[in-house]
Full PDB file with SEQRES, HELIX, SHEET, SSBOND, CRYST1, ORIGX, SCALE, CONECT and MASTER records, all heavy atoms in Angstrom:
SEQRES   1 A   34  VAL SER PRO ALA ASP GLY GLU ARG PHE VAL ASP LEU GLY          
SEQRES   2 A   34  SER GLY THR GLY LYS ALA VAL LEU THR ALA ALA ALA LEU          
SEQRES   3 A   34  HIS ARG PHE SER CYS ALA THR GLY                              
HELIX    1 AA1 LYS A   18  LEU A   26  1                                   9    
SHEET    1 AA1 2 ARG A   8  VAL A  10  0                                        
SHEET    2 AA1 2 CYS A  31  THR A  33  1                                        
CRYST1    1.000    1.000    1.000  90.00  90.00  90.00 P 1           1          
ORIGX1      1.000000  0.000000  0.000000        0.00000                         
ORIGX2      0.000000  1.000000  0.000000        0.00000                         
ORIGX3      0.000000  0.000000  1.000000        0.00000                         
SCALE1      1.000000  0.000000  0.000000        0.00000                         
SCALE2      0.000000  1.000000  0.000000        0.00000                         
SCALE3      0.000000  0.000000  1.000000        0.00000                         
ATOM      1  N   VAL A   1      77.876 105.786 100.114  1.00  0.00           N  
ATOM      2  CA  VAL A   1      78.644 106.073  98.902  1.00  0.00           C  
ATOM      3  C   VAL A   1      80.094 105.603  98.997  1.00  0.00           C  
ATOM      4  O   VAL A   1      80.887 105.853  98.092  1.00  0.00           O  
ATOM      5  CB  VAL A   1      78.564 107.573  98.510  1.00  0.00           C  
ATOM      6  CG1 VAL A   1      77.122 107.978  98.250  1.00  0.00           C  
ATOM      7  CG2 VAL A   1      79.201 108.465  99.559  1.00  0.00           C  
ATOM      8  N   SER A   2      80.453 104.929 100.082  1.00  0.00           N  
ATOM      9  CA  SER A   2      81.780 104.315 100.265  1.00  0.00           C  
ATOM     10  C   SER A   2      82.935 105.232  99.860  1.00  0.00           C  
ATOM     11  O   SER A   2      83.663 104.941  98.901  1.00  0.00           O  
ATOM     12  CB  SER A   2      81.869 103.011  99.471  1.00  0.00           C  
ATOM     13  OG  SER A   2      80.843 102.132  99.844  1.00  0.00           O  
ATOM     14  N   PRO A   3      83.136 106.334 100.590  1.00  0.00           N  
ATOM     15  CA  PRO A   3      84.241 107.231 100.232  1.00  0.00           C  
ATOM     16  C   PRO A   3      85.588 106.496 100.248  1.00  0.00           C  
ATOM     17  O   PRO A   3      85.865 105.715 101.159  1.00  0.00           O  
ATOM     18  CB  PRO A   3      84.215 108.295 101.329  1.00  0.00           C  
ATOM     19  CG  PRO A   3      82.817 108.255 101.863  1.00  0.00           C  
ATOM     20  CD  PRO A   3      82.397 106.820 101.758  1.00  0.00           C  
ATOM     21  N   ALA A   4      86.390 106.740  99.232  1.00  0.00           N  
ATOM     22  CA  ALA A   4      87.716 106.127  99.131  1.00  0.00           C  
ATOM     23  C   ALA A   4      88.764 107.078  99.699  1.00  0.00           C  
ATOM     24  O   ALA A   4      88.611 108.307  99.627  1.00  0.00           O  
ATOM     25  CB  ALA A   4      88.030 105.818  97.662  1.00  0.00           C  
ATOM     26  N   ASP A   5      89.819 106.506 100.259  1.00  0.00           N  
ATOM     27  CA  ASP A   5      90.932 107.320 100.744  1.00  0.00           C  
ATOM     28  C   ASP A   5      91.430 108.214  99.609  1.00  0.00           C  
ATOM     29  O   ASP A   5      91.558 107.770  98.467  1.00  0.00           O  
ATOM     30  CB  ASP A   5      92.082 106.432 101.219  1.00  0.00           C  
ATOM     31  CG  ASP A   5      91.774 105.693 102.514  1.00  0.00           C  
ATOM     32  OD1 ASP A   5      90.697 105.921 103.101  1.00  0.00           O  
ATOM     33  OD2 ASP A   5      92.623 104.892 102.940  1.00  0.00           O  
ATOM     34  N   GLY A   6      91.664 109.475  99.923  1.00  0.00           N  
ATOM     35  CA  GLY A   6      92.207 110.412  98.950  1.00  0.00           C  
ATOM     36  C   GLY A   6      91.178 111.156  98.119  1.00  0.00           C  
ATOM     37  O   GLY A   6      91.525 112.083  97.396  1.00  0.00           O  
ATOM     38  N   GLU A   7      89.907 110.768  98.220  1.00  0.00           N  
ATOM     39  CA  GLU A   7      88.868 111.530  97.503  1.00  0.00           C  
ATOM     40  C   GLU A   7      88.679 112.885  98.176  1.00  0.00           C  
ATOM     41  O   GLU A   7      89.120 113.113  99.296  1.00  0.00           O  
ATOM     42  CB  GLU A   7      87.530 110.778  97.529  1.00  0.00           C  
ATOM     43  CG  GLU A   7      87.424 109.695  96.510  1.00  0.00           C  
ATOM     44  CD  GLU A   7      85.998 109.203  96.359  1.00  0.00           C  
ATOM     45  OE1 GLU A   7      85.478 108.601  97.327  1.00  0.00           O  
ATOM     46  OE2 GLU A   7      85.411 109.413  95.292  1.00  0.00           O  
ATOM     47  N   ARG A   8      87.954 113.747  97.497  1.00  0.00           N  
ATOM     48  CA  ARG A   8      87.621 115.067  98.037  1.00  0.00           C  
ATOM     49  C   ARG A   8      86.149 115.081  98.419  1.00  0.00           C  
ATOM     50  O   ARG A   8      85.322 114.436  97.782  1.00  0.00           O  
ATOM     51  CB  ARG A   8      87.925 116.145  97.008  1.00  0.00           C  
ATOM     52  CG  ARG A   8      89.409 116.200  96.655  1.00  0.00           C  
ATOM     53  CD  ARG A   8      89.694 117.199  95.560  1.00  0.00           C  
ATOM     54  NE  ARG A   8      89.582 118.561  96.019  1.00  0.00           N  
ATOM     55  CZ  ARG A   8      90.561 119.266  96.581  1.00  0.00           C  
ATOM     56  NH1 ARG A   8      91.748 118.736  96.725  1.00  0.00           N  
ATOM     57  NH2 ARG A   8      90.379 120.506  96.959  1.00  0.00           N  
ATOM     58  N   PHE A   9      85.819 115.853  99.445  1.00  0.00           N  
ATOM     59  CA  PHE A   9      84.453 116.009  99.923  1.00  0.00           C  
ATOM     60  C   PHE A   9      84.112 117.493  99.906  1.00  0.00           C  
ATOM     61  O   PHE A   9      84.927 118.326 100.312  1.00  0.00           O  
ATOM     62  CB  PHE A   9      84.319 115.473 101.350  1.00  0.00           C  
ATOM     63  CG  PHE A   9      82.979 115.762 101.971  1.00  0.00           C  
ATOM     64  CD1 PHE A   9      81.894 114.939 101.722  1.00  0.00           C  
ATOM     65  CD2 PHE A   9      82.792 116.874 102.788  1.00  0.00           C  
ATOM     66  CE1 PHE A   9      80.649 115.209 102.279  1.00  0.00           C  
ATOM     67  CE2 PHE A   9      81.554 117.155 103.343  1.00  0.00           C  
ATOM     68  CZ  PHE A   9      80.487 116.323 103.090  1.00  0.00           C  
ATOM     69  N   VAL A  10      82.902 117.819  99.450  1.00  0.00           N  
ATOM     70  CA  VAL A  10      82.435 119.208  99.457  1.00  0.00           C  
ATOM     71  C   VAL A  10      81.018 119.253 100.013  1.00  0.00           C  
ATOM     72  O   VAL A  10      80.153 118.489  99.584  1.00  0.00           O  
ATOM     73  CB  VAL A  10      82.447 119.838  98.040  1.00  0.00           C  
ATOM     74  CG1 VAL A  10      81.957 121.282  98.087  1.00  0.00           C  
ATOM     75  CG2 VAL A  10      83.826 119.772  97.418  1.00  0.00           C  
ATOM     76  N   ASP A  11      80.789 120.147 100.971  1.00  0.00           N  
ATOM     77  CA  ASP A  11      79.471 120.380 101.559  1.00  0.00           C  
ATOM     78  C   ASP A  11      79.003 121.752 101.095  1.00  0.00           C  
ATOM     79  O   ASP A  11      79.611 122.773 101.428  1.00  0.00           O  
ATOM     80  CB  ASP A  11      79.567 120.320 103.082  1.00  0.00           C  
ATOM     81  CG  ASP A  11      78.242 120.555 103.793  1.00  0.00           C  
ATOM     82  OD1 ASP A  11      77.208 120.738 103.122  1.00  0.00           O  
ATOM     83  OD2 ASP A  11      78.256 120.557 105.036  1.00  0.00           O  
ATOM     84  N   LEU A  12      77.920 121.777 100.322  1.00  0.00           N  
ATOM     85  CA  LEU A  12      77.371 123.029  99.788  1.00  0.00           C  
ATOM     86  C   LEU A  12      76.325 123.560 100.760  1.00  0.00           C  
ATOM     87  O   LEU A  12      75.285 122.951 100.960  1.00  0.00           O  
ATOM     88  CB  LEU A  12      76.727 122.773  98.424  1.00  0.00           C  
ATOM     89  CG  LEU A  12      77.630 122.126  97.385  1.00  0.00           C  
ATOM     90  CD1 LEU A  12      76.845 121.812  96.121  1.00  0.00           C  
ATOM     91  CD2 LEU A  12      78.825 123.002  97.096  1.00  0.00           C  
ATOM     92  N   GLY A  13      76.610 124.693 101.376  1.00  0.00           N  
ATOM     93  CA  GLY A  13      75.736 125.235 102.413  1.00  0.00           C  
ATOM     94  C   GLY A  13      76.057 124.555 103.730  1.00  0.00           C  
ATOM     95  O   GLY A  13      75.202 123.946 104.368  1.00  0.00           O  
ATOM     96  N   SER A  14      77.307 124.659 104.144  1.00  0.00           N  
ATOM     97  CA  SER A  14      77.824 123.869 105.260  1.00  0.00           C  
ATOM     98  C   SER A  14      77.410 124.347 106.646  1.00  0.00           C  
ATOM     99  O   SER A  14      77.707 123.674 107.633  1.00  0.00           O  
ATOM    100  CB  SER A  14      79.351 123.782 105.172  1.00  0.00           C  
ATOM    101  OG  SER A  14      79.924 125.072 105.102  1.00  0.00           O  
ATOM    102  N   GLY A  15      76.737 125.480 106.735  1.00  0.00           N  
ATOM    103  CA  GLY A  15      76.229 125.936 108.029  1.00  0.00           C  
ATOM    104  C   GLY A  15      77.304 125.993 109.095  1.00  0.00           C  
ATOM    105  O   GLY A  15      78.377 126.541 108.886  1.00  0.00           O  
ATOM    106  N   THR A  16      77.039 125.368 110.244  1.00  0.00           N  
ATOM    107  CA  THR A  16      77.977 125.396 111.363  1.00  0.00           C  
ATOM    108  C   THR A  16      79.051 124.316 111.254  1.00  0.00           C  
ATOM    109  O   THR A  16      79.824 124.120 112.184  1.00  0.00           O  
ATOM    110  CB  THR A  16      77.233 125.251 112.713  1.00  0.00           C  
ATOM    111  OG1 THR A  16      76.544 123.999 112.723  1.00  0.00           O  
ATOM    112  CG2 THR A  16      76.258 126.395 112.930  1.00  0.00           C  
ATOM    113  N   GLY A  17      79.096 123.617 110.130  1.00  0.00           N  
ATOM    114  CA  GLY A  17      80.186 122.693 109.853  1.00  0.00           C  
ATOM    115  C   GLY A  17      79.982 121.250 110.285  1.00  0.00           C  
ATOM    116  O   GLY A  17      80.898 120.438 110.172  1.00  0.00           O  
ATOM    117  N   LYS A  18      78.798 120.901 110.756  1.00  0.00           N  
ATOM    118  CA  LYS A  18      78.598 119.543 111.276  1.00  0.00           C  
ATOM    119  C   LYS A  18      78.879 118.464 110.235  1.00  0.00           C  
ATOM    120  O   LYS A  18      79.550 117.479 110.528  1.00  0.00           O  
ATOM    121  CB  LYS A  18      77.194 119.377 111.839  1.00  0.00           C  
ATOM    122  CG  LYS A  18      77.012 120.067 113.168  1.00  0.00           C  
ATOM    123  CD  LYS A  18      75.647 119.792 113.742  1.00  0.00           C  
ATOM    124  CE  LYS A  18      75.489 120.497 115.075  1.00  0.00           C  
ATOM    125  NZ  LYS A  18      74.164 120.280 115.648  1.00  0.00           N  
ATOM    126  N   ALA A  19      78.368 118.610 109.016  1.00  0.00           N  
ATOM    127  CA  ALA A  19      78.574 117.569 108.006  1.00  0.00           C  
ATOM    128  C   ALA A  19      80.027 117.514 107.554  1.00  0.00           C  
ATOM    129  O   ALA A  19      80.608 116.426 107.460  1.00  0.00           O  
ATOM    130  CB  ALA A  19      77.646 117.777 106.808  1.00  0.00           C  
ATOM    131  N   VAL A  20      80.633 118.642 107.284  1.00  0.00           N  
ATOM    132  CA  VAL A  20      82.016 118.629 106.787  1.00  0.00           C  
ATOM    133  C   VAL A  20      82.965 118.100 107.864  1.00  0.00           C  
ATOM    134  O   VAL A  20      83.888 117.326 107.569  1.00  0.00           O  
ATOM    135  CB  VAL A  20      82.451 120.000 106.228  1.00  0.00           C  
ATOM    136  CG1 VAL A  20      82.615 121.047 107.298  1.00  0.00           C  
ATOM    137  CG2 VAL A  20      83.734 119.883 105.421  1.00  0.00           C  
ATOM    138  N   LEU A  21      82.740 118.448 109.111  1.00  0.00           N  
ATOM    139  CA  LEU A  21      83.601 117.951 110.178  1.00  0.00           C  
ATOM    140  C   LEU A  21      83.346 116.476 110.462  1.00  0.00           C  
ATOM    141  O   LEU A  21      84.276 115.721 110.764  1.00  0.00           O  
ATOM    142  CB  LEU A  21      83.440 118.807 111.437  1.00  0.00           C  
ATOM    143  CG  LEU A  21      83.919 120.259 111.281  1.00  0.00           C  
ATOM    144  CD1 LEU A  21      83.618 121.073 112.527  1.00  0.00           C  
ATOM    145  CD2 LEU A  21      85.400 120.325 110.915  1.00  0.00           C  
ATOM    146  N   THR A  22      82.099 116.036 110.327  1.00  0.00           N  
ATOM    147  CA  THR A  22      81.793 114.606 110.462  1.00  0.00           C  
ATOM    148  C   THR A  22      82.494 113.823 109.364  1.00  0.00           C  
ATOM    149  O   THR A  22      83.123 112.791 109.619  1.00  0.00           O  
ATOM    150  CB  THR A  22      80.267 114.372 110.420  1.00  0.00           C  
ATOM    151  OG1 THR A  22      79.662 115.046 111.532  1.00  0.00           O  
ATOM    152  CG2 THR A  22      79.929 112.894 110.475  1.00  0.00           C  
ATOM    153  N   ALA A  23      82.410 114.302 108.121  1.00  0.00           N  
ATOM    154  CA  ALA A  23      83.078 113.643 106.994  1.00  0.00           C  
ATOM    155  C   ALA A  23      84.589 113.586 107.226  1.00  0.00           C  
ATOM    156  O   ALA A  23      85.220 112.550 106.999  1.00  0.00           O  
ATOM    157  CB  ALA A  23      82.764 114.373 105.694  1.00  0.00           C  
ATOM    158  N   ALA A  24      85.162 114.689 107.687  1.00  0.00           N  
ATOM    159  CA  ALA A  24      86.607 114.758 107.920  1.00  0.00           C  
ATOM    160  C   ALA A  24      87.040 113.853 109.066  1.00  0.00           C  
ATOM    161  O   ALA A  24      88.167 113.351 109.070  1.00  0.00           O  
ATOM    162  CB  ALA A  24      87.018 116.198 108.201  1.00  0.00           C  
ATOM    163  N   ALA A  25      86.168 113.627 110.034  1.00  0.00           N  
ATOM    164  CA  ALA A  25      86.498 112.760 111.165  1.00  0.00           C  
ATOM    165  C   ALA A  25      86.373 111.282 110.806  1.00  0.00           C  
ATOM    166  O   ALA A  25      87.097 110.441 111.359  1.00  0.00           O  
ATOM    167  CB  ALA A  25      85.594 113.091 112.356  1.00  0.00           C  
ATOM    168  N   LEU A  26      85.484 110.951 109.881  1.00  0.00           N  
ATOM    169  CA  LEU A  26      85.202 109.545 109.578  1.00  0.00           C  
ATOM    170  C   LEU A  26      86.005 108.971 108.412  1.00  0.00           C  
ATOM    171  O   LEU A  26      86.187 107.754 108.343  1.00  0.00           O  
ATOM    172  CB  LEU A  26      83.710 109.368 109.276  1.00  0.00           C  
ATOM    173  CG  LEU A  26      82.762 109.618 110.444  1.00  0.00           C  
ATOM    174  CD1 LEU A  26      81.320 109.491 109.972  1.00  0.00           C  
ATOM    175  CD2 LEU A  26      83.053 108.667 111.591  1.00  0.00           C  
ATOM    176  N   HIS A  27      86.437 109.821 107.479  1.00  0.00           N  
ATOM    177  CA  HIS A  27      87.057 109.310 106.250  1.00  0.00           C  
ATOM    178  C   HIS A  27      88.363 110.042 105.941  1.00  0.00           C  
ATOM    179  O   HIS A  27      88.538 111.204 106.289  1.00  0.00           O  
ATOM    180  CB  HIS A  27      86.085 109.442 105.076  1.00  0.00           C  
ATOM    181  CG  HIS A  27      84.848 108.631 105.284  1.00  0.00           C  
ATOM    182  ND1 HIS A  27      84.804 107.281 105.061  1.00  0.00           N  
ATOM    183  CD2 HIS A  27      83.617 108.985 105.734  1.00  0.00           C  
ATOM    184  CE1 HIS A  27      83.593 106.828 105.351  1.00  0.00           C  
ATOM    185  NE2 HIS A  27      82.859 107.844 105.769  1.00  0.00           N  
ATOM    186  N   ARG A  28      89.235 109.355 105.232  1.00  0.00           N  
ATOM    187  CA  ARG A  28      90.544 109.908 104.860  1.00  0.00           C  
ATOM    188  C   ARG A  28      90.448 110.671 103.528  1.00  0.00           C  
ATOM    189  O   ARG A  28      91.091 110.307 102.543  1.00  0.00           O  
ATOM    190  CB  ARG A  28      91.582 108.798 104.773  1.00  0.00           C  
ATOM    191  CG  ARG A  28      91.864 108.144 106.100  1.00  0.00           C  
ATOM    192  CD  ARG A  28      93.010 107.134 105.993  1.00  0.00           C  
ATOM    193  NE  ARG A  28      93.175 106.404 107.212  1.00  0.00           N  
ATOM    194  CZ  ARG A  28      93.779 106.876 108.305  1.00  0.00           C  
ATOM    195  NH1 ARG A  28      94.272 108.085 108.302  1.00  0.00           N  
ATOM    196  NH2 ARG A  28      93.878 106.131 109.382  1.00  0.00           N  
ATOM    197  N   PHE A  29      89.639 111.711 103.522  1.00  0.00           N  
ATOM    198  CA  PHE A  29      89.547 112.565 102.337  1.00  0.00           C  
ATOM    199  C   PHE A  29      90.854 113.339 102.194  1.00  0.00           C  
ATOM    200  O   PHE A  29      91.472 113.712 103.196  1.00  0.00           O  
ATOM    201  CB  PHE A  29      88.386 113.550 102.475  1.00  0.00           C  
ATOM    202  CG  PHE A  29      87.028 112.915 102.359  1.00  0.00           C  
ATOM    203  CD1 PHE A  29      86.217 112.764 103.472  1.00  0.00           C  
ATOM    204  CD2 PHE A  29      86.564 112.470 101.136  1.00  0.00           C  
ATOM    205  CE1 PHE A  29      84.966 112.182 103.369  1.00  0.00           C  
ATOM    206  CE2 PHE A  29      85.312 111.887 101.016  1.00  0.00           C  
ATOM    207  CZ  PHE A  29      84.511 111.738 102.137  1.00  0.00           C  
ATOM    208  N   SER A  30      91.260 113.601 100.956  1.00  0.00           N  
ATOM    209  CA  SER A  30      92.425 114.467 100.769  1.00  0.00           C  
ATOM    210  C   SER A  30      92.077 115.882 101.199  1.00  0.00           C  
ATOM    211  O   SER A  30      92.928 116.610 101.708  1.00  0.00           O  
ATOM    212  CB  SER A  30      92.899 114.441  99.314  1.00  0.00           C  
ATOM    213  OG  SER A  30      91.903 114.970  98.457  1.00  0.00           O  
ATOM    214  N   CYS A  31      90.808 116.253 101.015  1.00  0.00           N  
ATOM    215  CA  CYS A  31      90.334 117.566 101.443  1.00  0.00           C  
ATOM    216  C   CYS A  31      88.835 117.486 101.701  1.00  0.00           C  
ATOM    217  O   CYS A  31      88.097 116.912 100.900  1.00  0.00           O  
ATOM    218  CB  CYS A  31      90.629 118.625 100.382  1.00  0.00           C  
ATOM    219  SG  CYS A  31      90.236 120.301 100.935  1.00  0.00           S  
ATOM    220  N   ALA A  32      88.412 118.034 102.813  1.00  0.00           N  
ATOM    221  CA  ALA A  32      86.990 118.165 103.137  1.00  0.00           C  
ATOM    222  C   ALA A  32      86.700 119.656 103.192  1.00  0.00           C  
ATOM    223  O   ALA A  32      87.277 120.376 104.004  1.00  0.00           O  
ATOM    224  CB  ALA A  32      86.667 117.489 104.467  1.00  0.00           C  
ATOM    225  N   THR A  33      85.832 120.121 102.309  1.00  0.00           N  
ATOM    226  CA  THR A  33      85.541 121.550 102.162  1.00  0.00           C  
ATOM    227  C   THR A  33      84.087 121.827 102.483  1.00  0.00           C  
ATOM    228  O   THR A  33      83.195 121.117 102.004  1.00  0.00           O  
ATOM    229  CB  THR A  33      85.821 122.015 100.717  1.00  0.00           C  
ATOM    230  OG1 THR A  33      87.192 121.758 100.411  1.00  0.00           O  
ATOM    231  CG2 THR A  33      85.529 123.500 100.548  1.00  0.00           C  
ATOM    232  N   GLY A  34      83.850 122.867 103.264  1.00  0.00           N  
ATOM    233  CA  GLY A  34      82.507 123.360 103.512  1.00  0.00           C  
ATOM    234  C   GLY A  34      82.405 124.777 102.975  1.00  0.00           C  
ATOM    235  O   GLY A  34      83.308 125.587 103.202  1.00  0.00           O  
TER     236      GLY A  34                                                      
MASTER        0    0    0    1    2    0    0    6  235    1    0    3          
END                                                                             
């Protein structure tokens, strides 16, 4: 989905945080929320 710098990311049902932390580590989201 080619995340752009400054976009926001939301993980619905984020569990132990693996997806939200992976997203936050790989892309320059303005905010990554789980």
